[in-house]
Amino acid sequence: MKKVILIIAALFTAVGITAQNTDVKKESTTTTKTVKDSKGEKTTVKTEEVQEVQKIEFKDPKSNTREKEVLDKPADVSKKVTVTVDGVSREISKDYSGFYKYNGAKCKMILDKVGYSIINPDTKKRLATLRELSNGGFIVTSGKKVSVGYFDPNGNLVLQSVDPKTDTVITETAEFIKPEL
């Protein structure tokens, strides 16, 4: 009987030691957009999952009081964005969809199956495509022109390409105007 009581006490102690002292908050937002054009109907589903994990620590863990004061610790925040376009799902780091101004003209960046498409918002004609690289940059193709692009902290698309005539790097910027609603 003594052994059984000791085993039960050891189990309760092990469970108490492995208890998690964290506060977890999860939030999920799903946005569905349906666009009709001459080619048919396109549906885009974007799901954003934000998880905050905060470790809980007491100011004085060895005190004998029942009500203990909790230290205010910063939370670790992780964000996961999943996009489904025409039945193809993928995970992206950030959604850059929205309106941009490039060489004085307004254009719109939209999600597509593999990356982004830049279109003329009036004619719906595709002007360029963006495909994400493993380092977070993008390959941007427009007709015969190929550029490397990245987004600056302000959300502007910075494009770099080589001028074959002068063998120099040309840097252009598509200025972010507003996000797509």
N, C-alpha and C. Protein backbone atom coordinates (compact mmCIF):
# COMPACT_ATOMS: atom_id res chain seq x y z
N MET A 1 0.83 -1.20 0.00
CA MET A 1 0.00 0.00 0.00
C MET A 1 0.87 1.26 0.00
N LYS A 2 1.97 1.18 0.74
CA LYS A 2 2.88 2.31 0.82
C LYS A 2 3.47 2.62 -0.56
N LYS A 3 3.81 1.58 -1.33
CA LYS A 3 4.37 1.76 -2.67
C LYS A 3 3.36 2.41 -3.61
N VAL A 4 2.09 2.02 -3.51
CA VAL A 4 1.04 2.58 -4.36
C VAL A 4 0.88 4.07 -4.09
N ILE A 5 0.90 4.45 -2.84
CA ILE A 5 0.76 5.87 -2.47
C ILE A 5 1.96 6.66 -2.98
N LEU A 6 3.16 6.09 -2.86
CA LEU A 6 4.35 6.78 -3.37
C LEU A 6 4.32 6.93 -4.89
N ILE A 7 3.85 5.91 -5.59
CA ILE A 7 3.75 5.99 -7.05
C ILE A 7 2.74 7.06 -7.46
N ILE A 8 1.59 7.11 -6.79
CA ILE A 8 0.57 8.13 -7.10
C ILE A 8 1.12 9.52 -6.82
N ALA A 9 1.82 9.68 -5.71
CA ALA A 9 2.41 10.98 -5.38
C ALA A 9 3.45 11.39 -6.43
N ALA A 10 4.24 10.43 -6.89
CA ALA A 10 5.25 10.72 -7.92
C ALA A 10 4.58 11.13 -9.23
N LEU A 11 3.48 10.48 -9.59
CA LEU A 11 2.76 10.84 -10.81
C LEU A 11 2.19 12.26 -10.73
N PHE A 12 1.58 12.60 -9.60
CA PHE A 12 1.04 13.95 -9.44
C PHE A 12 2.15 15.01 -9.49
N THR A 13 3.30 14.70 -8.92
CA THR A 13 4.43 15.62 -8.96
C THR A 13 4.93 15.80 -10.39
N ALA A 14 5.02 14.71 -11.13
CA ALA A 14 5.48 14.79 -12.52
C ALA A 14 4.51 15.60 -13.37
N VAL A 15 3.21 15.41 -13.15
CA VAL A 15 2.21 16.16 -13.91
C VAL A 15 2.28 17.64 -13.55
N GLY A 16 2.49 17.95 -12.28
CA GLY A 16 2.59 19.35 -11.84
C GLY A 16 3.80 20.05 -12.42
N ILE A 17 4.91 19.32 -12.54
CA ILE A 17 6.14 19.92 -13.08
C ILE A 17 6.00 20.19 -14.57
N THR A 18 5.32 19.31 -15.30
CA THR A 18 5.22 19.48 -16.75
C THR A 18 4.05 20.36 -17.17
N ALA A 19 3.33 20.95 -16.24
CA ALA A 19 2.22 21.82 -16.59
C ALA A 19 2.75 23.04 -17.34
N GLN A 20 1.99 23.50 -18.32
CA GLN A 20 2.41 24.64 -19.11
C GLN A 20 2.01 25.93 -18.43
N ASN A 21 2.94 26.82 -18.28
CA ASN A 21 2.67 28.14 -17.72
C ASN A 21 2.65 29.16 -18.83
N THR A 22 1.74 28.98 -19.78
CA THR A 22 1.62 29.91 -20.90
C THR A 22 0.17 30.28 -21.11
N ASP A 23 -0.02 31.46 -21.64
CA ASP A 23 -1.35 31.94 -22.02
C ASP A 23 -1.34 32.03 -23.55
N VAL A 24 -2.23 31.29 -24.21
CA VAL A 24 -2.25 31.24 -25.67
C VAL A 24 -3.54 31.87 -26.17
N LYS A 25 -3.40 32.78 -27.13
CA LYS A 25 -4.55 33.43 -27.76
C LYS A 25 -4.45 33.20 -29.26
N LYS A 26 -5.48 32.59 -29.85
CA LYS A 26 -5.49 32.36 -31.29
C LYS A 26 -6.67 33.11 -31.90
N GLU A 27 -6.40 33.73 -33.06
CA GLU A 27 -7.44 34.47 -33.77
C GLU A 27 -7.33 34.14 -35.25
N SER A 28 -8.45 33.83 -35.87
CA SER A 28 -8.47 33.47 -37.28
C SER A 28 -9.47 34.34 -38.02
N THR A 29 -9.04 34.90 -39.15
CA THR A 29 -9.90 35.75 -39.97
C THR A 29 -9.89 35.20 -41.40
N THR A 30 -11.08 34.98 -41.95
CA THR A 30 -11.19 34.48 -43.32
C THR A 30 -11.92 35.52 -44.17
N THR A 31 -11.32 35.85 -45.33
CA THR A 31 -11.90 36.80 -46.27
C THR A 31 -12.09 36.10 -47.61
N THR A 32 -13.29 36.19 -48.16
CA THR A 32 -13.59 35.58 -49.46
C THR A 32 -13.95 36.68 -50.44
N LYS A 33 -13.29 36.68 -51.61
CA LYS A 33 -13.58 37.65 -52.67
C LYS A 33 -13.96 36.90 -53.93
N THR A 34 -15.04 37.32 -54.56
CA THR A 34 -15.46 36.74 -55.82
C THR A 34 -15.49 37.85 -56.86
N VAL A 35 -14.78 37.62 -57.97
CA VAL A 35 -14.70 38.61 -59.04
C VAL A 35 -15.26 37.98 -60.32
N LYS A 36 -16.19 38.68 -60.95
CA LYS A 36 -16.74 38.22 -62.22
C LYS A 36 -16.16 39.08 -63.34
N ASP A 37 -15.70 38.42 -64.39
CA ASP A 37 -15.25 39.13 -65.58
C ASP A 37 -15.65 38.32 -66.80
N SER A 38 -15.13 38.70 -67.96
CA SER A 38 -15.51 38.03 -69.20
C SER A 38 -15.06 36.57 -69.25
N LYS A 39 -14.05 36.22 -68.45
CA LYS A 39 -13.54 34.84 -68.45
C LYS A 39 -14.26 33.96 -67.43
N GLY A 40 -15.14 34.54 -66.64
CA GLY A 40 -15.87 33.76 -65.65
C GLY A 40 -15.75 34.35 -64.27
N GLU A 41 -15.92 33.49 -63.29
CA GLU A 41 -15.93 33.90 -61.90
C GLU A 41 -14.70 33.35 -61.18
N LYS A 42 -13.96 34.22 -60.46
CA LYS A 42 -12.78 33.81 -59.70
C LYS A 42 -13.04 34.05 -58.23
N THR A 43 -12.71 33.06 -57.42
CA THR A 43 -12.88 33.19 -55.98
C THR A 43 -11.52 33.09 -55.30
N THR A 44 -11.25 34.04 -54.42
CA THR A 44 -10.02 34.06 -53.64
C THR A 44 -10.39 34.01 -52.17
N VAL A 45 -9.81 33.05 -51.45
CA VAL A 45 -10.06 32.91 -50.02
C VAL A 45 -8.74 33.14 -49.30
N LYS A 46 -8.72 34.10 -48.37
CA LYS A 46 -7.52 34.40 -47.60
C LYS A 46 -7.82 34.16 -46.12
N THR A 47 -7.02 33.32 -45.47
CA THR A 47 -7.19 33.02 -44.06
C THR A 47 -5.94 33.48 -43.31
N GLU A 48 -6.13 34.36 -42.34
CA GLU A 48 -5.03 34.83 -41.51
C GLU A 48 -5.20 34.26 -40.11
N GLU A 49 -4.17 33.59 -39.62
CA GLU A 49 -4.18 33.04 -38.28
C GLU A 49 -3.08 33.72 -37.47
N VAL A 50 -3.48 34.36 -36.38
CA VAL A 50 -2.53 35.04 -35.50
C VAL A 50 -2.54 34.31 -34.17
N GLN A 51 -1.36 33.94 -33.69
CA GLN A 51 -1.25 33.24 -32.41
C GLN A 51 -0.30 34.02 -31.52
N GLU A 52 -0.77 34.34 -30.30
CA GLU A 52 0.04 35.01 -29.30
C GLU A 52 0.28 34.04 -28.15
N VAL A 53 1.54 33.82 -27.82
CA VAL A 53 1.89 32.95 -26.71
C VAL A 53 2.65 33.79 -25.69
N GLN A 54 2.11 33.84 -24.48
CA GLN A 54 2.75 34.63 -23.42
C GLN A 54 3.07 33.71 -22.24
N LYS A 55 4.32 33.72 -21.81
CA LYS A 55 4.72 32.92 -20.66
C LYS A 55 4.24 33.61 -19.39
N ILE A 56 3.70 32.81 -18.49
CA ILE A 56 3.19 33.34 -17.23
C ILE A 56 4.21 33.08 -16.14
N GLU A 57 4.62 34.16 -15.49
CA GLU A 57 5.54 34.06 -14.36
C GLU A 57 5.02 34.93 -13.24
N PHE A 58 5.21 34.45 -12.01
CA PHE A 58 4.78 35.20 -10.84
C PHE A 58 5.91 36.09 -10.34
N LYS A 59 5.54 37.25 -9.75
CA LYS A 59 6.55 38.15 -9.20
C LYS A 59 7.29 37.48 -8.04
N ASP A 60 6.54 36.85 -7.16
CA ASP A 60 7.14 36.16 -6.00
C ASP A 60 6.55 34.75 -5.94
N PRO A 61 7.13 33.80 -6.68
CA PRO A 61 6.53 32.47 -6.76
C PRO A 61 6.58 31.69 -5.44
N LYS A 62 7.47 32.05 -4.53
CA LYS A 62 7.61 31.29 -3.28
C LYS A 62 6.77 31.84 -2.13
N SER A 63 6.00 32.89 -2.39
CA SER A 63 5.17 33.44 -1.31
C SER A 63 4.04 32.48 -0.97
N ASN A 64 3.52 32.59 0.25
CA ASN A 64 2.48 31.69 0.72
C ASN A 64 1.07 32.21 0.45
N THR A 65 0.93 33.35 -0.20
CA THR A 65 -0.40 33.90 -0.47
C THR A 65 -1.05 33.17 -1.63
N ARG A 66 -2.37 33.15 -1.60
CA ARG A 66 -3.11 32.48 -2.68
C ARG A 66 -3.19 33.35 -3.93
N GLU A 67 -3.31 34.64 -3.75
CA GLU A 67 -3.39 35.55 -4.89
C GLU A 67 -2.00 36.10 -5.16
N LYS A 68 -1.43 35.65 -6.28
CA LYS A 68 -0.07 36.05 -6.62
C LYS A 68 -0.10 37.04 -7.78
N GLU A 69 0.84 37.95 -7.76
CA GLU A 69 0.93 38.94 -8.81
C GLU A 69 1.71 38.38 -10.00
N VAL A 70 1.20 38.60 -11.19
CA VAL A 70 1.80 38.06 -12.41
C VAL A 70 2.68 39.12 -13.06
N LEU A 71 3.87 38.71 -13.50
CA LEU A 71 4.76 39.62 -14.23
C LEU A 71 4.21 39.86 -15.63
N ASP A 72 4.35 41.07 -16.10
CA ASP A 72 3.89 41.41 -17.45
C ASP A 72 5.02 41.12 -18.43
N LYS A 73 4.92 40.02 -19.15
CA LYS A 73 5.94 39.59 -20.11
C LYS A 73 5.44 39.83 -21.52
N PRO A 74 6.33 40.15 -22.47
CA PRO A 74 5.89 40.32 -23.86
C PRO A 74 5.47 38.98 -24.47
N ALA A 75 4.50 39.06 -25.37
CA ALA A 75 3.99 37.85 -26.03
C ALA A 75 4.75 37.61 -27.33
N ASP A 76 4.95 36.33 -27.65
CA ASP A 76 5.52 35.95 -28.94
C ASP A 76 4.36 35.82 -29.93
N VAL A 77 4.40 36.62 -30.99
CA VAL A 77 3.30 36.65 -31.95
C VAL A 77 3.76 35.99 -33.25
N SER A 78 2.97 35.04 -33.74
CA SER A 78 3.26 34.43 -35.04
C SER A 78 2.02 34.58 -35.92
N LYS A 79 2.26 34.82 -37.19
CA LYS A 79 1.17 35.05 -38.14
C LYS A 79 1.34 34.11 -39.33
N LYS A 80 0.25 33.48 -39.73
CA LYS A 80 0.26 32.56 -40.86
C LYS A 80 -0.87 32.98 -41.80
N VAL A 81 -0.53 33.22 -43.06
CA VAL A 81 -1.53 33.62 -44.05
C VAL A 81 -1.61 32.53 -45.12
N THR A 82 -2.80 31.96 -45.29
CA THR A 82 -3.03 30.95 -46.31
C THR A 82 -3.99 31.51 -47.34
N VAL A 83 -3.63 31.36 -48.62
CA VAL A 83 -4.45 31.90 -49.71
C VAL A 83 -4.86 30.76 -50.63
N THR A 84 -6.13 30.76 -51.02
CA THR A 84 -6.63 29.79 -51.99
C THR A 84 -7.17 30.56 -53.19
N VAL A 85 -6.54 30.36 -54.35
CA VAL A 85 -6.96 31.02 -55.59
C VAL A 85 -7.27 29.93 -56.61
N ASP A 86 -8.47 29.91 -57.11
CA ASP A 86 -8.92 28.91 -58.09
C ASP A 86 -8.64 27.48 -57.62
N GLY A 87 -8.85 27.22 -56.33
CA GLY A 87 -8.68 25.88 -55.80
C GLY A 87 -7.26 25.50 -55.42
N VAL A 88 -6.29 26.39 -55.64
CA VAL A 88 -4.89 26.12 -55.31
C VAL A 88 -4.54 26.89 -54.03
N SER A 89 -4.13 26.17 -52.98
CA SER A 89 -3.79 26.80 -51.70
C SER A 89 -2.28 26.93 -51.56
N ARG A 90 -1.86 28.04 -50.92
CA ARG A 90 -0.45 28.24 -50.63
C ARG A 90 -0.33 29.18 -49.43
N GLU A 91 0.82 29.12 -48.79
CA GLU A 91 1.07 29.97 -47.64
C GLU A 91 1.96 31.13 -48.08
N ILE A 92 1.60 32.35 -47.66
CA ILE A 92 2.39 33.53 -48.01
C ILE A 92 2.81 34.25 -46.74
N SER A 93 3.89 35.03 -46.84
CA SER A 93 4.37 35.74 -45.67
C SER A 93 3.54 37.00 -45.40
N LYS A 94 3.13 37.67 -46.46
CA LYS A 94 2.33 38.88 -46.34
C LYS A 94 1.56 39.08 -47.64
N ASP A 95 0.37 39.65 -47.56
CA ASP A 95 -0.43 39.92 -48.75
C ASP A 95 -0.14 41.34 -49.24
N TYR A 96 0.44 41.46 -50.42
CA TYR A 96 0.78 42.76 -51.00
C TYR A 96 -0.26 43.26 -51.99
N SER A 97 -1.42 42.64 -52.03
CA SER A 97 -2.47 43.06 -52.96
C SER A 97 -2.85 44.52 -52.69
N GLY A 98 -3.12 45.24 -53.78
CA GLY A 98 -3.54 46.63 -53.63
C GLY A 98 -3.27 47.42 -54.89
N PHE A 99 -3.37 48.72 -54.75
CA PHE A 99 -3.17 49.63 -55.88
C PHE A 99 -1.80 50.30 -55.77
N TYR A 100 -1.14 50.41 -56.93
CA TYR A 100 0.20 50.98 -57.01
C TYR A 100 0.23 52.00 -58.14
N LYS A 101 1.21 52.90 -58.08
CA LYS A 101 1.43 53.88 -59.16
C LYS A 101 2.82 53.62 -59.73
N TYR A 102 2.86 53.31 -61.04
CA TYR A 102 4.12 52.99 -61.70
C TYR A 102 4.23 53.80 -62.98
N ASN A 103 5.27 54.59 -63.11
CA ASN A 103 5.49 55.47 -64.27
C ASN A 103 4.26 56.35 -64.54
N GLY A 104 3.64 56.85 -63.49
CA GLY A 104 2.50 57.75 -63.62
C GLY A 104 1.16 57.06 -63.84
N ALA A 105 1.16 55.76 -64.03
CA ALA A 105 -0.09 55.03 -64.29
C ALA A 105 -0.49 54.22 -63.06
N LYS A 106 -1.78 54.11 -62.83
CA LYS A 106 -2.30 53.34 -61.72
C LYS A 106 -2.44 51.88 -62.15
N CYS A 107 -1.98 50.97 -61.30
CA CYS A 107 -2.12 49.54 -61.58
C CYS A 107 -2.56 48.83 -60.29
N LYS A 108 -3.00 47.60 -60.47
CA LYS A 108 -3.53 46.83 -59.34
C LYS A 108 -2.79 45.50 -59.26
N MET A 109 -2.35 45.16 -58.04
CA MET A 109 -1.68 43.87 -57.83
C MET A 109 -2.69 42.94 -57.15
N ILE A 110 -2.88 41.77 -57.77
CA ILE A 110 -3.82 40.79 -57.23
C ILE A 110 -3.13 39.44 -57.07
N LEU A 111 -3.63 38.64 -56.15
CA LEU A 111 -3.11 37.28 -55.96
C LEU A 111 -3.53 36.40 -57.12
N ASP A 112 -2.65 35.52 -57.56
CA ASP A 112 -3.03 34.50 -58.53
C ASP A 112 -2.61 33.14 -57.98
N LYS A 113 -2.67 32.10 -58.78
CA LYS A 113 -2.41 30.74 -58.30
C LYS A 113 -1.01 30.56 -57.72
N VAL A 114 -0.01 31.22 -58.31
CA VAL A 114 1.37 30.97 -57.92
C VAL A 114 2.07 32.19 -57.32
N GLY A 115 1.56 33.36 -57.51
CA GLY A 115 2.19 34.57 -57.02
C GLY A 115 1.21 35.73 -57.09
N TYR A 116 1.63 36.76 -57.84
CA TYR A 116 0.80 37.95 -58.04
C TYR A 116 0.75 38.29 -59.52
N SER A 117 -0.32 38.96 -59.91
CA SER A 117 -0.43 39.54 -61.24
C SER A 117 -0.64 41.03 -61.07
N ILE A 118 0.01 41.81 -61.91
CA ILE A 118 -0.23 43.25 -61.94
C ILE A 118 -1.09 43.51 -63.17
N ILE A 119 -2.25 44.13 -62.93
CA ILE A 119 -3.20 44.36 -64.02
C ILE A 119 -3.56 45.84 -64.11
N ASN A 120 -4.06 46.22 -65.27
CA ASN A 120 -4.63 47.54 -65.45
C ASN A 120 -6.03 47.47 -64.84
N PRO A 121 -6.36 48.31 -63.85
CA PRO A 121 -7.66 48.20 -63.19
C PRO A 121 -8.85 48.52 -64.10
N ASP A 122 -8.62 49.26 -65.19
CA ASP A 122 -9.72 49.62 -66.09
C ASP A 122 -9.98 48.53 -67.13
N THR A 123 -8.91 48.05 -67.77
CA THR A 123 -9.07 47.07 -68.86
C THR A 123 -8.95 45.62 -68.38
N LYS A 124 -8.47 45.42 -67.15
CA LYS A 124 -8.23 44.09 -66.57
C LYS A 124 -7.13 43.31 -67.31
N LYS A 125 -6.34 44.01 -68.14
CA LYS A 125 -5.26 43.38 -68.88
C LYS A 125 -4.05 43.18 -67.97
N ARG A 126 -3.44 41.98 -68.04
CA ARG A 126 -2.26 41.69 -67.23
C ARG A 126 -1.07 42.44 -67.78
N LEU A 127 -0.39 43.17 -66.89
CA LEU A 127 0.79 43.95 -67.27
C LEU A 127 2.09 43.24 -66.88
N ALA A 128 2.05 42.50 -65.77
CA ALA A 128 3.26 41.81 -65.28
C ALA A 128 2.86 40.70 -64.31
N THR A 129 3.82 39.80 -64.05
CA THR A 129 3.61 38.76 -63.05
C THR A 129 4.77 38.79 -62.06
N LEU A 130 4.47 38.44 -60.81
CA LEU A 130 5.48 38.36 -59.76
C LEU A 130 5.49 36.93 -59.24
N ARG A 131 6.68 36.36 -59.12
CA ARG A 131 6.86 35.03 -58.58
C ARG A 131 7.88 35.12 -57.46
N GLU A 132 7.49 34.60 -56.27
CA GLU A 132 8.33 34.75 -55.08
C GLU A 132 9.52 33.81 -55.12
N LEU A 133 10.67 34.33 -54.69
CA LEU A 133 11.90 33.57 -54.58
C LEU A 133 12.06 33.07 -53.15
N SER A 134 12.98 32.16 -52.94
CA SER A 134 13.19 31.60 -51.60
C SER A 134 13.72 32.63 -50.61
N ASN A 135 14.35 33.69 -51.08
CA ASN A 135 14.89 34.70 -50.18
C ASN A 135 13.89 35.82 -49.85
N GLY A 136 12.65 35.69 -50.32
CA GLY A 136 11.63 36.71 -50.05
C GLY A 136 11.50 37.75 -51.14
N GLY A 137 12.42 37.76 -52.11
CA GLY A 137 12.33 38.67 -53.24
C GLY A 137 11.39 38.09 -54.30
N PHE A 138 11.25 38.81 -55.42
CA PHE A 138 10.35 38.38 -56.48
C PHE A 138 11.04 38.51 -57.84
N ILE A 139 10.70 37.61 -58.75
CA ILE A 139 11.05 37.77 -60.16
C ILE A 139 9.83 38.39 -60.82
N VAL A 140 10.03 39.50 -61.49
CA VAL A 140 8.94 40.23 -62.12
C VAL A 140 9.15 40.17 -63.63
N THR A 141 8.15 39.64 -64.36
CA THR A 141 8.23 39.57 -65.81
C THR A 141 7.13 40.41 -66.42
N SER A 142 7.52 41.19 -67.41
CA SER A 142 6.58 42.04 -68.13
C SER A 142 7.02 42.06 -69.59
N GLY A 143 6.32 41.30 -70.43
CA GLY A 143 6.73 41.20 -71.83
C GLY A 143 8.09 40.53 -71.89
N LYS A 144 9.06 41.20 -72.51
CA LYS A 144 10.42 40.65 -72.61
C LYS A 144 11.32 41.12 -71.47
N LYS A 145 10.82 42.02 -70.62
CA LYS A 145 11.62 42.57 -69.53
C LYS A 145 11.49 41.69 -68.28
N VAL A 146 12.63 41.37 -67.68
CA VAL A 146 12.67 40.57 -66.44
C VAL A 146 13.41 41.40 -65.39
N SER A 147 12.81 41.52 -64.22
CA SER A 147 13.40 42.29 -63.13
C SER A 147 13.37 41.47 -61.85
N VAL A 148 14.15 41.92 -60.90
CA VAL A 148 14.11 41.37 -59.55
C VAL A 148 13.46 42.45 -58.70
N GLY A 149 12.52 42.06 -57.86
CA GLY A 149 11.82 43.04 -57.05
C GLY A 149 11.74 42.64 -55.59
N TYR A 150 11.50 43.65 -54.76
CA TYR A 150 11.27 43.43 -53.33
C TYR A 150 10.39 44.57 -52.83
N PHE A 151 9.79 44.38 -51.67
CA PHE A 151 8.93 45.40 -51.09
C PHE A 151 9.69 46.10 -49.97
N ASP A 152 9.73 47.44 -50.03
CA ASP A 152 10.40 48.20 -48.98
C ASP A 152 9.49 48.32 -47.75
N PRO A 153 9.96 48.89 -46.65
CA PRO A 153 9.14 48.98 -45.44
C PRO A 153 7.83 49.77 -45.62
N ASN A 154 7.76 50.64 -46.62
CA ASN A 154 6.54 51.42 -46.88
C ASN A 154 5.55 50.67 -47.77
N GLY A 155 5.91 49.47 -48.22
CA GLY A 155 5.02 48.69 -49.08
C GLY A 155 5.22 48.94 -50.56
N ASN A 156 6.18 49.79 -50.93
CA ASN A 156 6.46 50.08 -52.33
C ASN A 156 7.21 48.90 -52.96
N LEU A 157 6.91 48.62 -54.22
CA LEU A 157 7.61 47.56 -54.95
C LEU A 157 8.81 48.18 -55.65
N VAL A 158 10.00 47.76 -55.27
CA VAL A 158 11.25 48.26 -55.85
C VAL A 158 11.73 47.23 -56.87
N LEU A 159 11.90 47.67 -58.12
CA LEU A 159 12.29 46.78 -59.21
C LEU A 159 13.71 47.11 -59.67
N GLN A 160 14.52 46.09 -59.89
CA GLN A 160 15.87 46.28 -60.41
C GLN A 160 16.05 45.39 -61.63
N SER A 161 16.54 46.02 -62.70
CA SER A 161 16.79 45.28 -63.94
C SER A 161 18.08 45.80 -64.56
N VAL A 162 18.57 45.09 -65.55
CA VAL A 162 19.81 45.48 -66.23
C VAL A 162 19.45 46.06 -67.59
N ASP A 163 20.02 47.24 -67.89
CA ASP A 163 19.87 47.84 -69.20
C ASP A 163 20.94 47.21 -70.10
N PRO A 164 20.52 46.41 -71.12
CA PRO A 164 21.51 45.71 -71.95
C PRO A 164 22.40 46.65 -72.76
N LYS A 165 21.91 47.85 -73.07
CA LYS A 165 22.71 48.78 -73.87
C LYS A 165 23.87 49.38 -73.08
N THR A 166 23.60 49.75 -71.83
CA THR A 166 24.64 50.40 -71.01
C THR A 166 25.26 49.47 -69.97
N ASP A 167 24.70 48.26 -69.83
CA ASP A 167 25.16 47.27 -68.85
C ASP A 167 25.18 47.84 -67.44
N THR A 168 24.12 48.57 -67.10
CA THR A 168 23.98 49.14 -65.76
C THR A 168 22.66 48.67 -65.15
N VAL A 169 22.60 48.74 -63.83
CA VAL A 169 21.39 48.34 -63.11
C VAL A 169 20.47 49.55 -63.01
N ILE A 170 19.23 49.34 -63.41
CA ILE A 170 18.20 50.38 -63.34
C ILE A 170 17.27 50.04 -62.18
N THR A 171 17.01 51.01 -61.31
CA THR A 171 16.10 50.81 -60.19
C THR A 171 14.87 51.67 -60.40
N GLU A 172 13.69 51.01 -60.36
CA GLU A 172 12.41 51.70 -60.51
C GLU A 172 11.54 51.34 -59.32
N THR A 173 10.57 52.21 -59.01
CA THR A 173 9.70 51.96 -57.87
C THR A 173 8.24 52.09 -58.27
N ALA A 174 7.44 51.11 -57.86
CA ALA A 174 5.99 51.18 -57.99
C ALA A 174 5.48 51.59 -56.61
N GLU A 175 4.95 52.81 -56.53
CA GLU A 175 4.55 53.38 -55.25
C GLU A 175 3.21 52.79 -54.77
N PHE A 176 3.19 52.31 -53.54
CA PHE A 176 1.98 51.76 -52.94
C PHE A 176 0.99 52.89 -52.67
N ILE A 177 -0.25 52.76 -53.18
CA ILE A 177 -1.26 53.78 -52.98
C ILE A 177 -2.21 53.38 -51.86
N LYS A 178 -2.87 52.23 -52.01
CA LYS A 178 -3.80 51.77 -50.98
C LYS A 178 -4.03 50.27 -51.14
N PRO A 179 -4.41 49.59 -50.04
CA PRO A 179 -4.68 48.17 -50.14
C PRO A 179 -5.99 47.90 -50.87
N GLU A 180 -6.10 46.69 -51.38
CA GLU A 180 -7.34 46.27 -52.03
C GLU A 180 -8.40 46.03 -50.98
N LEU A 181 -9.57 46.54 -51.21
CA LEU A 181 -10.65 46.35 -50.22
C LEU A 181 -11.50 45.17 -50.55
